[in-house]
Amino acid sequence: MIKNKKQNTRPKPAAGLLYGINPVMEALKAGRRQIRELILASGRRDRRVDELETLAREKKVPVKRVEADMLEELCGTSHHQGAALDAGSLPGVAPEDVLLLAEKRGEEPFLVLLDSIEDPRNLGAIVRSAHCAGAHGVVVPKDRSAQLTALVSKASAGALEHMPVAVVTNLAKTMEELKAKGLWFAGLDADGESSLFGGDFTGPLGIVVGSEGKGIRPLVKKGCDFIVSIPLKGVVDSLNASVAASLVMYEVVRQRGDAG
C-alpha cells in the first residue's frame, strides 16, 4: 500500500518561531529579536523550562501553555523540548557593522565567510564555533546559503542569537569591499598551496569556507589572498565543512595568543 505523502509531511514552523531550550533561552537573554510570546508545553515541569518561564516573566514576555501536540504542529517537529518562542527575525547586519564591533573591542577583525553552505545544521554548527572562537561575525550569501531559520539557531545551540551574521547579495564583491578596508582573505581548500598551520592569521582576516561537495566557487576563490589546506592522514579525503571551519578558527585563536 502506498501512503499518501501528505500524511508524512510536517508543516514548516511559522517565520520567527524558535524552538528548543537553548535557542529560546539565548534569544531571551540576547534581546535582539522583537519577542511576542513564550509558548510552553502543558504539563511539562522541569528546571530548565521553569528557568525559561522565570526569565520571560522578568522581561515581561507573555507566557502561554499549549498541549504538546499543538506545540509540535507549531514547530513542525517533535524536537522542540517543550518550548518555543514567537519572535521576529534577527536584525540585519552589514559587514561594516562587524568591523565596527572589532574596533570597539580593540581587536583585529576576524570574519568567517561561508560560500554555498546549504545544510542548516552545518551553518548552525559553524556559527556556534565562530561564536566560541571569538569571531566578530559571519558572512553568508543571500542565494547560496541556508537561511537563518529556527533549525540553524537550534543547531548553533543558541549561538546564532549572539553572533552577527551579514547576509550579502554578492560574496565576491563583498570581499573586494572588505579588502579596501584592510582585510586579507584565507580560503580553505583541498588544493591549498600551504598547510593550514603555515598560514599567518594574526592580522585583519576573513577565512573563507566552501561547501563539502564543490568547495569555494572560482570567483570567490580568486578573491582570496592565499589558500590553505588541512593535512589529512586517513583514507577519507575530506572533513565535514563545520569541522574544517572549526579547525581553521582555532588556528586563528592559537596564533593570536588567545589559546589560554
C-alpha atoms as a PDB file:
ATOM      1  CA  MET A   1       0.000   0.000   0.000  1.00  0.00           C
ATOM      2  CA  ILE A   2       1.403   3.415  -0.962  1.00  0.00           C
ATOM      3  CA  LYS A   3       0.977   6.017   1.734  1.00  0.00           C
ATOM      4  CA  ASN A   4      -0.168   9.480   0.916  1.00  0.00           C
ATOM      5  CA  LYS A   5       2.918  11.694   1.084  1.00  0.00           C
ATOM      6  CA  LYS A   6       0.912  14.448   2.747  1.00  0.00           C
ATOM      7  CA  GLN A   7       0.433  12.215   5.769  1.00  0.00           C
ATOM      8  CA  ASN A   8       4.187  12.129   6.322  1.00  0.00           C
ATOM      9  CA  THR A   9       4.937  15.820   5.929  1.00  0.00           C
ATOM     10  CA  ARG A  10       5.002  18.326   8.736  1.00  0.00           C
ATOM     11  CA  PRO A  11       4.190  21.987   8.302  1.00  0.00           C
ATOM     12  CA  LYS A  12       7.132  24.373   8.456  1.00  0.00           C
ATOM     13  CA  PRO A  13       7.317  26.439  11.640  1.00  0.00           C
ATOM     14  CA  ALA A  14       5.957  29.942  11.375  1.00  0.00           C
ATOM     15  CA  ALA A  15       8.501  32.618  10.452  1.00  0.00           C
ATOM     16  CA  GLY A  16      10.207  33.952  13.545  1.00  0.00           C
ATOM     17  CA  LEU A  17       9.304  30.936  15.676  1.00  0.00           C
ATOM     18  CA  LEU A  18      12.246  29.461  17.581  1.00  0.00           C
ATOM     19  CA  TYR A  19      12.136  26.127  19.375  1.00  0.00           C
ATOM     20  CA  GLY A  20      14.355  24.186  21.754  1.00  0.00           C
ATOM     21  CA  ILE A  21      15.583  25.126  25.225  1.00  0.00           C
ATOM     22  CA  ASN A  22      18.936  26.679  24.237  1.00  0.00           C
ATOM     23  CA  PRO A  23      17.762  28.808  21.285  1.00  0.00           C
ATOM     24  CA  VAL A  24      14.790  30.106  23.262  1.00  0.00           C
ATOM     25  CA  MET A  25      16.905  30.838  26.338  1.00  0.00           C
ATOM     26  CA  GLU A  26      19.618  32.624  24.342  1.00  0.00           C
ATOM     27  CA  ALA A  27      17.085  34.653  22.356  1.00  0.00           C
ATOM     28  CA  LEU A  28      15.503  35.827  25.608  1.00  0.00           C
ATOM     29  CA  LYS A  29      18.924  36.722  27.031  1.00  0.00           C
ATOM     30  CA  ALA A  30      20.211  38.455  23.889  1.00  0.00           C
ATOM     31  CA  GLY A  31      17.111  40.580  23.356  1.00  0.00           C
ATOM     32  CA  ARG A  32      17.941  41.132  19.668  1.00  0.00           C
ATOM     33  CA  ARG A  33      14.554  39.984  18.396  1.00  0.00           C
ATOM     34  CA  GLN A  34      11.120  41.507  18.846  1.00  0.00           C
ATOM     35  CA  ILE A  35       9.747  38.835  21.146  1.00  0.00           C
ATOM     36  CA  ARG A  36       6.000  38.423  21.312  1.00  0.00           C
ATOM     37  CA  GLU A  37       5.312  35.285  23.340  1.00  0.00           C
ATOM     38  CA  LEU A  38       6.884  32.259  25.045  1.00  0.00           C
ATOM     39  CA  ILE A  39       4.978  29.052  24.347  1.00  0.00           C
ATOM     40  CA  LEU A  40       5.437  26.077  26.676  1.00  0.00           C
ATOM     41  CA  ALA A  41       4.047  22.548  26.594  1.00  0.00           C
ATOM     42  CA  SER A  42       1.310  21.979  29.159  1.00  0.00           C
ATOM     43  CA  GLY A  43       2.225  19.614  31.939  1.00  0.00           C
ATOM     44  CA  ARG A  44       5.960  19.891  31.327  1.00  0.00           C
ATOM     45  CA  ARG A  45       7.677  20.968  34.504  1.00  0.00           C
ATOM     46  CA  ASP A  46      11.434  20.726  34.919  1.00  0.00           C
ATOM     47  CA  ARG A  47      14.227  23.058  35.980  1.00  0.00           C
ATOM     48  CA  ARG A  48      15.129  24.352  32.526  1.00  0.00           C
ATOM     49  CA  VAL A  49      11.553  25.033  31.453  1.00  0.00           C
ATOM     50  CA  ASP A  50      10.928  26.783  34.771  1.00  0.00           C
ATOM     51  CA  GLU A  51      14.032  28.923  34.144  1.00  0.00           C
ATOM     52  CA  LEU A  52      12.638  29.930  30.766  1.00  0.00           C
ATOM     53  CA  GLU A  53       9.324  30.930  32.291  1.00  0.00           C
ATOM     54  CA  THR A  54      11.019  32.924  35.044  1.00  0.00           C
ATOM     55  CA  LEU A  55      13.264  34.743  32.569  1.00  0.00           C
ATOM     56  CA  ALA A  56      10.336  35.522  30.276  1.00  0.00           C
ATOM     57  CA  ARG A  57       8.310  36.996  33.128  1.00  0.00           C
ATOM     58  CA  GLU A  58      11.310  39.083  34.241  1.00  0.00           C
ATOM     59  CA  LYS A  59      11.471  40.505  30.719  1.00  0.00           C
ATOM     60  CA  LYS A  60       7.701  40.969  30.654  1.00  0.00           C
ATOM     61  CA  VAL A  61       7.233  38.458  27.830  1.00  0.00           C
ATOM     62  CA  PRO A  62       3.775  36.820  27.845  1.00  0.00           C
ATOM     63  CA  VAL A  63       3.793  33.077  28.572  1.00  0.00           C
ATOM     64  CA  LYS A  64       1.263  30.640  27.134  1.00  0.00           C
ATOM     65  CA  ARG A  65       0.907  26.892  27.683  1.00  0.00           C
ATOM     66  CA  VAL A  66      -0.482  24.617  24.984  1.00  0.00           C
ATOM     67  CA  GLU A  67      -0.848  20.875  24.522  1.00  0.00           C
ATOM     68  CA  ALA A  68       2.304  19.085  23.363  1.00  0.00           C
ATOM     69  CA  ASP A  69       0.772  18.022  20.050  1.00  0.00           C
ATOM     70  CA  MET A  70      -0.196  21.626  19.290  1.00  0.00           C
ATOM     71  CA  LEU A  71       3.349  22.762  20.060  1.00  0.00           C
ATOM     72  CA  GLU A  72       4.679  20.049  17.766  1.00  0.00           C
ATOM     73  CA  GLU A  73       2.407  21.281  14.988  1.00  0.00           C
ATOM     74  CA  LEU A  74       3.509  24.884  15.511  1.00  0.00           C
ATOM     75  CA  CYS A  75       7.195  23.950  15.416  1.00  0.00           C
ATOM     76  CA  GLY A  76       6.927  21.409  12.615  1.00  0.00           C
ATOM     77  CA  THR A  77       8.983  18.966  14.674  1.00  0.00           C
ATOM     78  CA  SER A  78       8.815  16.886  17.828  1.00  0.00           C
ATOM     79  CA  HIS A  79      12.283  18.113  18.849  1.00  0.00           C
ATOM     80  CA  HIS A  80      11.037  21.276  20.497  1.00  0.00           C
ATOM     81  CA  GLN A  81      11.935  20.221  24.086  1.00  0.00           C
ATOM     82  CA  GLY A  82       8.671  21.706  25.306  1.00  0.00           C
ATOM     83  CA  ALA A  83       9.469  25.306  24.452  1.00  0.00           C
ATOM     84  CA  ALA A  84       9.033  27.749  21.576  1.00  0.00           C
ATOM     85  CA  LEU A  85       9.363  31.476  21.200  1.00  0.00           C
ATOM     86  CA  ASP A  86       7.254  33.647  18.936  1.00  0.00           C
ATOM     87  CA  ALA A  87       9.771  36.273  17.889  1.00  0.00           C
ATOM     88  CA  GLY A  88      10.706  38.460  14.968  1.00  0.00           C
ATOM     89  CA  SER A  89      13.660  37.872  12.694  1.00  0.00           C
ATOM     90  CA  LEU A  90      17.211  38.771  13.638  1.00  0.00           C
ATOM     91  CA  PRO A  91      18.180  42.386  12.921  1.00  0.00           C
ATOM     92  CA  GLY A  92      20.037  42.952   9.662  1.00  0.00           C
ATOM     93  CA  VAL A  93      23.794  43.327   9.956  1.00  0.00           C
ATOM     94  CA  ALA A  94      26.213  44.742   7.363  1.00  0.00           C
ATOM     95  CA  PRO A  95      29.848  43.616   7.077  1.00  0.00           C
ATOM     96  CA  GLU A  96      30.850  47.140   8.075  1.00  0.00           C
ATOM     97  CA  ASP A  97      28.977  46.682  11.369  1.00  0.00           C
ATOM     98  CA  VAL A  98      31.158  43.655  12.070  1.00  0.00           C
ATOM     99  CA  LEU A  99      34.307  45.721  11.531  1.00  0.00           C
ATOM    100  CA  LEU A 100      32.987  48.342  13.940  1.00  0.00           C
ATOM    101  CA  LEU A 101      32.432  45.619  16.537  1.00  0.00           C
ATOM    102  CA  ALA A 102      36.076  44.534  16.202  1.00  0.00           C
ATOM    103  CA  GLU A 103      37.210  48.154  16.520  1.00  0.00           C
ATOM    104  CA  LYS A 104      35.059  48.616  19.608  1.00  0.00           C
ATOM    105  CA  ARG A 105      36.710  45.587  21.199  1.00  0.00           C
ATOM    106  CA  GLY A 106      40.180  46.816  20.244  1.00  0.00           C
ATOM    107  CA  GLU A 107      40.835  43.647  18.222  1.00  0.00           C
ATOM    108  CA  GLU A 108      41.958  42.816  14.698  1.00  0.00           C
ATOM    109  CA  PRO A 109      38.863  41.936  12.630  1.00  0.00           C
ATOM    110  CA  PHE A 110      38.126  38.222  12.361  1.00  0.00           C
ATOM    111  CA  LEU A 111      35.332  37.231   9.978  1.00  0.00           C
ATOM    112  CA  VAL A 112      34.096  33.866   8.739  1.00  0.00           C
ATOM    113  CA  LEU A 113      32.742  33.847   5.175  1.00  0.00           C
ATOM    114  CA  LEU A 114      30.713  30.858   4.041  1.00  0.00           C
ATOM    115  CA  ASP A 115      30.306  30.039   0.364  1.00  0.00           C
ATOM    116  CA  SER A 116      27.433  27.697  -0.526  1.00  0.00           C
ATOM    117  CA  ILE A 117      26.890  26.132   2.911  1.00  0.00           C
ATOM    118  CA  GLU A 118      23.350  24.932   2.253  1.00  0.00           C
ATOM    119  CA  ASP A 119      22.864  22.475   5.119  1.00  0.00           C
ATOM    120  CA  PRO A 120      21.273  24.404   8.033  1.00  0.00           C
ATOM    121  CA  ARG A 121      22.893  22.072  10.560  1.00  0.00           C
ATOM    122  CA  ASN A 122      26.327  22.798   9.145  1.00  0.00           C
ATOM    123  CA  LEU A 123      25.604  26.510   9.150  1.00  0.00           C
ATOM    124  CA  GLY A 124      24.421  26.354  12.760  1.00  0.00           C
ATOM    125  CA  ALA A 125      27.476  24.377  13.838  1.00  0.00           C
ATOM    126  CA  ILE A 126      29.822  26.872  12.152  1.00  0.00           C
ATOM    127  CA  VAL A 127      28.057  29.821  13.777  1.00  0.00           C
ATOM    128  CA  ARG A 128      28.450  28.101  17.143  1.00  0.00           C
ATOM    129  CA  SER A 129      32.186  27.559  16.582  1.00  0.00           C
ATOM    130  CA  ALA A 130      32.625  31.130  15.329  1.00  0.00           C
ATOM    131  CA  HIS A 131      30.974  32.485  18.474  1.00  0.00           C
ATOM    132  CA  CYS A 132      33.110  30.281  20.724  1.00  0.00           C
ATOM    133  CA  ALA A 133      36.321  31.209  18.854  1.00  0.00           C
ATOM    134  CA  GLY A 134      35.653  34.914  19.245  1.00  0.00           C
ATOM    135  CA  ALA A 135      34.961  35.742  15.583  1.00  0.00           C
ATOM    136  CA  HIS A 136      33.359  39.137  15.146  1.00  0.00           C
ATOM    137  CA  GLY A 137      30.860  37.987  12.552  1.00  0.00           C
ATOM    138  CA  VAL A 138      29.814  35.537   9.863  1.00  0.00           C
ATOM    139  CA  VAL A 139      29.071  36.496   6.256  1.00  0.00           C
ATOM    140  CA  VAL A 140      26.830  34.385   4.007  1.00  0.00           C
ATOM    141  CA  PRO A 141      25.434  34.932   0.503  1.00  0.00           C
ATOM    142  CA  LYS A 142      21.736  35.551   0.131  1.00  0.00           C
ATOM    143  CA  ASP A 143      21.117  32.936  -2.563  1.00  0.00           C
ATOM    144  CA  ARG A 144      23.688  30.195  -1.975  1.00  0.00           C
ATOM    145  CA  SER A 145      23.249  29.505   1.694  1.00  0.00           C
ATOM    146  CA  ALA A 146      20.922  28.001   4.232  1.00  0.00           C
ATOM    147  CA  GLN A 147      18.645  30.701   5.624  1.00  0.00           C
ATOM    148  CA  LEU A 148      18.767  31.878   9.234  1.00  0.00           C
ATOM    149  CA  THR A 149      15.927  29.652  10.396  1.00  0.00           C
ATOM    150  CA  ALA A 150      14.911  28.115  13.703  1.00  0.00           C
ATOM    151  CA  LEU A 151      16.783  24.952  12.697  1.00  0.00           C
ATOM    152  CA  VAL A 152      20.022  26.932  12.284  1.00  0.00           C
ATOM    153  CA  SER A 153      19.510  28.541  15.687  1.00  0.00           C
ATOM    154  CA  LYS A 154      18.903  25.138  17.273  1.00  0.00           C
ATOM    155  CA  ALA A 155      21.950  23.614  15.547  1.00  0.00           C
ATOM    156  CA  SER A 156      24.012  26.519  16.869  1.00  0.00           C
ATOM    157  CA  ALA A 157      22.790  25.774  20.430  1.00  0.00           C
ATOM    158  CA  GLY A 158      21.547  29.354  20.554  1.00  0.00           C
ATOM    159  CA  ALA A 159      24.823  30.983  19.418  1.00  0.00           C
ATOM    160  CA  LEU A 160      23.023  32.484  16.408  1.00  0.00           C
ATOM    161  CA  GLU A 161      21.189  34.758  18.850  1.00  0.00           C
ATOM    162  CA  HIS A 162      24.509  36.402  19.788  1.00  0.00           C
ATOM    163  CA  MET A 163      26.604  36.167  16.605  1.00  0.00           C
ATOM    164  CA  PRO A 164      26.246  38.920  13.975  1.00  0.00           C
ATOM    165  CA  VAL A 165      25.519  37.323  10.585  1.00  0.00           C
ATOM    166  CA  ALA A 166      25.640  39.518   7.498  1.00  0.00           C
ATOM    167  CA  VAL A 167      23.628  38.279   4.525  1.00  0.00           C
ATOM    168  CA  VAL A 168      25.065  39.759   1.308  1.00  0.00           C
ATOM    169  CA  THR A 169      23.961  39.728  -2.312  1.00  0.00           C
ATOM    170  CA  ASN A 170      27.395  39.086  -3.820  1.00  0.00           C
ATOM    171  CA  LEU A 171      30.070  37.412  -1.714  1.00  0.00           C
ATOM    172  CA  ALA A 172      32.934  38.114  -4.140  1.00  0.00           C
ATOM    173  CA  LYS A 173      32.043  41.812  -4.316  1.00  0.00           C
ATOM    174  CA  THR A 174      31.754  41.992  -0.530  1.00  0.00           C
ATOM    175  CA  MET A 175      35.270  40.574  -0.278  1.00  0.00           C
ATOM    176  CA  GLU A 176      36.552  43.316  -2.598  1.00  0.00           C
ATOM    177  CA  GLU A 177      34.935  45.972  -0.426  1.00  0.00           C
ATOM    178  CA  LEU A 178      36.382  44.476   2.743  1.00  0.00           C
ATOM    179  CA  LYS A 179      39.837  44.253   1.154  1.00  0.00           C
ATOM    180  CA  ALA A 180      39.674  48.001   0.597  1.00  0.00           C
ATOM    181  CA  LYS A 181      39.202  48.300   4.357  1.00  0.00           C
ATOM    182  CA  GLY A 182      42.346  46.286   5.076  1.00  0.00           C
ATOM    183  CA  LEU A 183      41.169  42.682   5.359  1.00  0.00           C
ATOM    184  CA  TRP A 184      43.083  39.707   3.970  1.00  0.00           C
ATOM    185  CA  PHE A 185      41.299  36.528   2.971  1.00  0.00           C
ATOM    186  CA  ALA A 186      42.404  32.956   3.545  1.00  0.00           C
ATOM    187  CA  GLY A 187      40.483  30.335   1.605  1.00  0.00           C
ATOM    188  CA  LEU A 188      40.216  26.771   2.824  1.00  0.00           C
ATOM    189  CA  ASP A 189      40.540  24.267   0.002  1.00  0.00           C
ATOM    190  CA  ALA A 190      41.930  20.761  -0.511  1.00  0.00           C
ATOM    191  CA  ASP A 191      44.431  22.007  -3.098  1.00  0.00           C
ATOM    192  CA  GLY A 192      45.785  24.810  -0.920  1.00  0.00           C
ATOM    193  CA  GLU A 193      49.375  25.800  -1.621  1.00  0.00           C
ATOM    194  CA  SER A 194      50.289  25.575   2.051  1.00  0.00           C
ATOM    195  CA  SER A 195      49.199  23.808   5.189  1.00  0.00           C
ATOM    196  CA  LEU A 196      46.694  25.456   7.500  1.00  0.00           C
ATOM    197  CA  PHE A 197      49.474  25.538  10.098  1.00  0.00           C
ATOM    198  CA  GLY A 198      51.777  27.508   7.803  1.00  0.00           C
ATOM    199  CA  GLY A 199      49.456  30.452   7.214  1.00  0.00           C
ATOM    200  CA  ASP A 200      49.632  33.796   9.014  1.00  0.00           C
ATOM    201  CA  PHE A 201      46.292  34.569  10.648  1.00  0.00           C
ATOM    202  CA  THR A 202      47.369  37.329  13.020  1.00  0.00           C
ATOM    203  CA  GLY A 203      46.196  40.390  11.076  1.00  0.00           C
ATOM    204  CA  PRO A 204      42.756  41.599   9.961  1.00  0.00           C
ATOM    205  CA  LEU A 205      41.361  38.435   8.451  1.00  0.00           C
ATOM    206  CA  GLY A 206      38.442  36.728   6.809  1.00  0.00           C
ATOM    207  CA  ILE A 207      38.520  32.960   6.439  1.00  0.00           C
ATOM    208  CA  VAL A 208      36.530  31.558   3.542  1.00  0.00           C
ATOM    209  CA  VAL A 209      34.954  28.103   3.729  1.00  0.00           C
ATOM    210  CA  GLY A 210      33.130  26.418   0.863  1.00  0.00           C
ATOM    211  CA  SER A 211      30.692  23.542   0.666  1.00  0.00           C
ATOM    212  CA  GLU A 212      31.829  19.956   1.149  1.00  0.00           C
ATOM    213  CA  GLY A 213      30.916  18.931  -2.376  1.00  0.00           C
ATOM    214  CA  LYS A 214      32.104  21.810  -4.560  1.00  0.00           C
ATOM    215  CA  GLY A 215      34.350  23.808  -2.254  1.00  0.00           C
ATOM    216  CA  ILE A 216      34.811  27.528  -2.827  1.00  0.00           C
ATOM    217  CA  ARG A 217      33.396  28.815  -6.092  1.00  0.00           C
ATOM    218  CA  PRO A 218      36.050  30.037  -8.597  1.00  0.00           C
ATOM    219  CA  LEU A 219      35.180  33.752  -8.435  1.00  0.00           C
ATOM    220  CA  VAL A 220      35.184  33.725  -4.632  1.00  0.00           C
ATOM    221  CA  LYS A 221      38.399  31.696  -4.578  1.00  0.00           C
ATOM    222  CA  LYS A 222      40.026  34.225  -6.902  1.00  0.00           C
ATOM    223  CA  GLY A 223      39.372  36.890  -4.293  1.00  0.00           C
ATOM    224  CA  CYS A 224      41.336  35.010  -1.621  1.00  0.00           C
ATOM    225  CA  ASP A 225      44.866  36.224  -0.900  1.00  0.00           C
ATOM    226  CA  PHE A 226      46.077  32.732  -0.093  1.00  0.00           C
ATOM    227  CA  ILE A 227      44.672  29.220   0.031  1.00  0.00           C
ATOM    228  CA  VAL A 228      45.392  26.754   2.823  1.00  0.00           C
ATOM    229  CA  SER A 229      44.532  23.102   3.276  1.00  0.00           C
ATOM    230  CA  ILE A 230      44.132  20.836   6.295  1.00  0.00           C
ATOM    231  CA  PRO A 231      46.599  17.930   6.397  1.00  0.00           C
ATOM    232  CA  LEU A 232      44.683  14.640   6.138  1.00  0.00           C
ATOM    233  CA  LYS A 233      46.322  11.334   7.087  1.00  0.00           C
ATOM    234  CA  GLY A 234      43.436   8.879   6.792  1.00  0.00           C
ATOM    235  CA  VAL A 235      41.740   7.129   3.904  1.00  0.00           C
ATOM    236  CA  VAL A 236      38.781   9.539   3.856  1.00  0.00           C
ATOM    237  CA  ASP A 237      39.755  12.539   1.756  1.00  0.00           C
ATOM    238  CA  SER A 238      37.658  15.296   3.325  1.00  0.00           C
ATOM    239  CA  LEU A 239      36.244  16.683   6.561  1.00  0.00           C
ATOM    240  CA  ASN A 240      32.753  17.861   7.352  1.00  0.00           C
ATOM    241  CA  ALA A 241      32.553  21.576   6.482  1.00  0.00           C
ATOM    242  CA  SER A 242      31.744  22.610  10.058  1.00  0.00           C
ATOM    243  CA  VAL A 243      34.645  20.558  11.453  1.00  0.00           C
ATOM    244  CA  ALA A 244      37.063  22.015   8.891  1.00  0.00           C
ATOM    245  CA  ALA A 245      35.881  25.544   9.651  1.00  0.00           C
ATOM    246  CA  SER A 246      36.357  24.966  13.387  1.00  0.00           C
ATOM    247  CA  LEU A 247      39.943  23.806  12.882  1.00  0.00           C
ATOM    248  CA  VAL A 248      40.791  26.974  10.961  1.00  0.00           C
ATOM    249  CA  MET A 249      39.086  29.205  13.518  1.00  0.00           C
ATOM    250  CA  TYR A 250      41.029  27.730  16.379  1.00  0.00           C
ATOM    251  CA  GLU A 251      44.297  28.065  14.490  1.00  0.00           C
ATOM    252  CA  VAL A 252      43.415  31.781  14.353  1.00  0.00           C
ATOM    253  CA  VAL A 253      42.807  31.707  18.113  1.00  0.00           C
ATOM    254  CA  ARG A 254      46.136  29.949  18.695  1.00  0.00           C
ATOM    255  CA  GLN A 255      48.141  32.357  16.556  1.00  0.00           C
ATOM    256  CA  ARG A 256      46.568  35.406  18.117  1.00  0.00           C
ATOM    257  CA  GLY A 257      47.654  34.257  21.550  1.00  0.00           C
ATOM    258  CA  ASP A 258      44.171  33.621  22.883  1.00  0.00           C
ATOM    259  CA  ALA A 259      44.598  29.885  23.445  1.00  0.00           C
ATOM    260  CA  GLY A 260      44.970  30.265  27.200  1.00  0.00           C
END
